[in-house]
Amino acid sequence: MKRNLIVYKVEYALKSDPYNLNGRFIKTKRIVMAPYEVPQKTGYWLNHNNVEKKFFKQMEGKENCTYSGDKYRVTRVRKAR
């Protein structure tokens, strides 16, 4: 069985950090998604929403949480190269 995993690069910052001071506070984390978690036919924003949900689950332990994390602010989601 062949599993092609999709790796996304999530850029985030702490909510307590000052907002966007020349990118000094931006941190990155790689999120590995299975193809069934981000079907490529459903659209760009829905896929990134699923990546953000997995990010918050890993970092804060919260289920189905997007844009309302207590500690982190997601600034960018991209496919890793």
N, C-alpha and C. Protein backbone atom coordinates (compact mmCIF):
# COMPACT_ATOMS: atom_id res chain seq x y z
N MET A 1 0.84 -1.18 0.00
CA MET A 1 0.00 0.00 0.00
C MET A 1 0.89 1.25 0.00
N LYS A 2 0.61 2.16 -0.88
CA LYS A 2 1.39 3.38 -1.01
C LYS A 2 0.59 4.54 -0.42
N ARG A 3 1.22 5.28 0.49
CA ARG A 3 0.57 6.45 1.10
C ARG A 3 1.36 7.68 0.74
N ASN A 4 0.80 8.53 -0.03
CA ASN A 4 1.44 9.80 -0.36
C ASN A 4 1.00 10.84 0.64
N LEU A 5 1.88 11.16 1.56
CA LEU A 5 1.55 12.17 2.57
C LEU A 5 1.82 13.56 2.02
N ILE A 6 1.01 14.51 2.41
CA ILE A 6 1.14 15.89 1.96
C ILE A 6 1.64 16.71 3.15
N VAL A 7 2.74 17.42 2.94
CA VAL A 7 3.35 18.21 4.01
C VAL A 7 3.02 19.68 3.78
N TYR A 8 2.50 20.33 4.82
CA TYR A 8 2.20 21.75 4.77
C TYR A 8 3.09 22.48 5.75
N LYS A 9 3.44 23.70 5.41
CA LYS A 9 4.25 24.55 6.28
C LYS A 9 3.35 25.65 6.83
N VAL A 10 3.19 25.68 8.14
CA VAL A 10 2.32 26.65 8.80
C VAL A 10 3.19 27.68 9.49
N GLU A 11 2.99 28.94 9.15
CA GLU A 11 3.68 30.03 9.84
C GLU A 11 2.73 30.60 10.88
N TYR A 12 3.25 30.76 12.10
CA TYR A 12 2.39 31.22 13.19
C TYR A 12 3.18 32.12 14.12
N ALA A 13 2.47 32.81 14.98
CA ALA A 13 3.07 33.66 16.00
C ALA A 13 2.23 33.54 17.26
N LEU A 14 2.82 33.86 18.37
CA LEU A 14 2.07 33.92 19.61
C LEU A 14 1.16 35.14 19.58
N LYS A 15 -0.01 35.02 20.15
CA LYS A 15 -0.93 36.17 20.18
C LYS A 15 -0.38 37.28 21.07
N SER A 16 0.49 36.95 22.00
CA SER A 16 1.04 37.96 22.89
C SER A 16 2.17 38.75 22.24
N ASP A 17 2.73 38.27 21.11
CA ASP A 17 3.78 38.99 20.41
C ASP A 17 3.21 40.19 19.67
N PRO A 18 4.00 41.23 19.49
CA PRO A 18 3.53 42.37 18.69
C PRO A 18 3.20 41.91 17.26
N TYR A 19 2.23 42.53 16.66
CA TYR A 19 1.75 42.09 15.35
C TYR A 19 2.73 42.50 14.25
N ASN A 20 3.32 41.52 13.58
CA ASN A 20 4.08 41.68 12.33
C ASN A 20 5.16 42.76 12.40
N LEU A 21 6.11 42.62 13.28
CA LEU A 21 7.26 43.52 13.31
C LEU A 21 8.37 42.92 12.44
N ASN A 22 8.24 43.11 11.14
CA ASN A 22 9.22 42.63 10.15
C ASN A 22 9.44 41.13 10.22
N GLY A 23 8.46 40.39 10.63
CA GLY A 23 8.54 38.94 10.65
C GLY A 23 9.46 38.37 11.72
N ARG A 24 9.83 39.13 12.70
CA ARG A 24 10.75 38.64 13.73
C ARG A 24 10.13 37.58 14.62
N PHE A 25 8.83 37.61 14.79
CA PHE A 25 8.19 36.69 15.72
C PHE A 25 7.52 35.51 15.02
N ILE A 26 7.69 35.39 13.71
CA ILE A 26 7.04 34.32 12.95
C ILE A 26 7.82 33.02 13.16
N LYS A 27 7.10 31.99 13.51
CA LYS A 27 7.67 30.65 13.69
C LYS A 27 7.03 29.73 12.66
N THR A 28 7.66 28.59 12.38
CA THR A 28 7.09 27.65 11.41
C THR A 28 6.95 26.28 12.03
N LYS A 29 5.97 25.55 11.55
CA LYS A 29 5.74 24.16 11.96
C LYS A 29 5.26 23.40 10.74
N ARG A 30 5.75 22.20 10.59
CA ARG A 30 5.32 21.36 9.48
C ARG A 30 4.21 20.43 9.95
N ILE A 31 3.14 20.39 9.18
CA ILE A 31 1.99 19.54 9.47
C ILE A 31 1.90 18.52 8.34
N VAL A 32 1.87 17.24 8.70
CA VAL A 32 1.78 16.17 7.73
C VAL A 32 0.33 15.70 7.67
N MET A 33 -0.24 15.75 6.47
CA MET A 33 -1.64 15.38 6.28
C MET A 33 -1.72 14.18 5.34
N ALA A 34 -2.68 13.32 5.60
CA ALA A 34 -2.96 12.20 4.71
C ALA A 34 -3.85 12.72 3.57
N PRO A 35 -3.82 12.06 2.41
CA PRO A 35 -4.62 12.55 1.28
C PRO A 35 -6.13 12.61 1.56
N TYR A 36 -6.64 11.73 2.41
CA TYR A 36 -8.07 11.79 2.70
C TYR A 36 -8.43 12.98 3.59
N GLU A 37 -7.45 13.56 4.32
CA GLU A 37 -7.71 14.71 5.18
C GLU A 37 -7.81 16.02 4.39
N VAL A 38 -7.10 16.10 3.28
CA VAL A 38 -7.13 17.29 2.44
C VAL A 38 -7.35 16.88 0.98
N PRO A 39 -8.58 16.52 0.63
CA PRO A 39 -8.84 16.15 -0.77
C PRO A 39 -8.61 17.35 -1.67
N GLN A 40 -7.85 17.17 -2.72
CA GLN A 40 -7.45 18.27 -3.58
C GLN A 40 -8.58 18.80 -4.45
N LYS A 41 -9.72 18.14 -4.46
CA LYS A 41 -10.84 18.59 -5.29
C LYS A 41 -11.79 19.51 -4.57
N THR A 42 -11.63 19.70 -3.26
CA THR A 42 -12.60 20.48 -2.50
C THR A 42 -12.29 21.97 -2.46
N GLY A 43 -11.11 22.37 -2.82
CA GLY A 43 -10.81 23.79 -2.85
C GLY A 43 -9.69 24.18 -1.90
N TYR A 44 -9.07 25.27 -2.24
CA TYR A 44 -7.90 25.78 -1.54
C TYR A 44 -8.19 26.12 -0.09
N TRP A 45 -9.24 26.91 0.16
CA TRP A 45 -9.49 27.39 1.52
C TRP A 45 -9.96 26.28 2.45
N LEU A 46 -10.73 25.34 1.94
CA LEU A 46 -11.18 24.23 2.77
C LEU A 46 -10.01 23.35 3.19
N ASN A 47 -9.07 23.14 2.28
CA ASN A 47 -7.88 22.36 2.62
C ASN A 47 -7.06 23.06 3.70
N HIS A 48 -6.88 24.36 3.57
CA HIS A 48 -6.10 25.09 4.57
C HIS A 48 -6.84 25.15 5.90
N ASN A 49 -8.14 25.17 5.87
CA ASN A 49 -8.93 25.11 7.09
C ASN A 49 -8.67 23.79 7.82
N ASN A 50 -8.60 22.69 7.08
CA ASN A 50 -8.31 21.39 7.68
C ASN A 50 -6.91 21.36 8.26
N VAL A 51 -5.95 21.99 7.59
CA VAL A 51 -4.58 22.05 8.11
C VAL A 51 -4.54 22.86 9.40
N GLU A 52 -5.27 23.98 9.44
CA GLU A 52 -5.30 24.79 10.66
C GLU A 52 -5.95 24.03 11.81
N LYS A 53 -6.98 23.26 11.53
CA LYS A 53 -7.60 22.45 12.58
C LYS A 53 -6.60 21.46 13.17
N LYS A 54 -5.81 20.82 12.31
CA LYS A 54 -4.82 19.86 12.80
C LYS A 54 -3.70 20.58 13.56
N PHE A 55 -3.33 21.78 13.11
CA PHE A 55 -2.32 22.57 13.81
C PHE A 55 -2.76 22.88 15.24
N PHE A 56 -3.99 23.38 15.39
CA PHE A 56 -4.47 23.71 16.73
C PHE A 56 -4.66 22.46 17.58
N LYS A 57 -4.98 21.33 16.96
CA LYS A 57 -5.11 20.10 17.72
C LYS A 57 -3.74 19.67 18.27
N GLN A 58 -2.70 19.82 17.45
CA GLN A 58 -1.36 19.44 17.90
C GLN A 58 -0.78 20.42 18.91
N MET A 59 -1.00 21.71 18.69
CA MET A 59 -0.36 22.72 19.53
C MET A 59 -1.13 23.00 20.82
N GLU A 60 -2.45 23.02 20.74
CA GLU A 60 -3.25 23.37 21.91
C GLU A 60 -4.13 22.24 22.41
N GLY A 61 -4.25 21.18 21.64
CA GLY A 61 -5.08 20.06 22.06
C GLY A 61 -6.56 20.30 21.90
N LYS A 62 -6.95 21.24 21.03
CA LYS A 62 -8.36 21.55 20.85
C LYS A 62 -8.88 20.94 19.57
N GLU A 63 -10.08 20.42 19.61
CA GLU A 63 -10.72 19.83 18.43
C GLU A 63 -11.52 20.89 17.69
N ASN A 64 -11.51 20.82 16.36
CA ASN A 64 -12.30 21.69 15.49
C ASN A 64 -12.15 23.18 15.85
N CYS A 65 -10.94 23.63 15.98
CA CYS A 65 -10.67 25.00 16.38
C CYS A 65 -9.91 25.69 15.25
N THR A 66 -10.47 26.75 14.69
CA THR A 66 -9.74 27.56 13.71
C THR A 66 -9.92 29.03 14.07
N TYR A 67 -8.86 29.79 13.96
CA TYR A 67 -8.84 31.23 14.21
C TYR A 67 -9.26 31.63 15.61
N SER A 68 -9.46 30.67 16.49
CA SER A 68 -9.88 31.06 17.84
C SER A 68 -8.97 30.43 18.88
N GLY A 69 -7.76 30.14 18.48
CA GLY A 69 -6.82 29.57 19.43
C GLY A 69 -6.48 30.57 20.52
N ASP A 70 -6.18 30.06 21.69
CA ASP A 70 -5.89 30.93 22.82
C ASP A 70 -4.47 31.51 22.76
N LYS A 71 -3.52 30.72 22.23
CA LYS A 71 -2.13 31.14 22.30
C LYS A 71 -1.53 31.54 20.96
N TYR A 72 -2.02 30.97 19.85
CA TYR A 72 -1.34 31.13 18.57
C TYR A 72 -2.21 31.82 17.53
N ARG A 73 -1.55 32.51 16.61
CA ARG A 73 -2.19 33.18 15.47
C ARG A 73 -1.54 32.64 14.21
N VAL A 74 -2.30 31.95 13.37
CA VAL A 74 -1.78 31.41 12.12
C VAL A 74 -1.72 32.54 11.10
N THR A 75 -0.54 32.74 10.51
CA THR A 75 -0.39 33.82 9.54
C THR A 75 -0.37 33.33 8.11
N ARG A 76 0.09 32.09 7.89
CA ARG A 76 0.20 31.60 6.52
C ARG A 76 0.26 30.08 6.51
N VAL A 77 -0.38 29.49 5.49
CA VAL A 77 -0.34 28.04 5.28
C VAL A 77 0.08 27.81 3.84
N ARG A 78 1.14 27.01 3.65
CA ARG A 78 1.63 26.71 2.30
C ARG A 78 2.01 25.24 2.22
N LYS A 79 2.01 24.71 1.01
CA LYS A 79 2.54 23.37 0.82
C LYS A 79 4.06 23.46 0.92
N ALA A 80 4.67 22.53 1.64
CA ALA A 80 6.12 22.51 1.77
C ALA A 80 6.73 21.92 0.50
N ARG A 81 7.90 22.38 0.19
CA ARG A 81 8.59 21.86 -1.00
C ARG A 81 9.61 20.84 -0.63
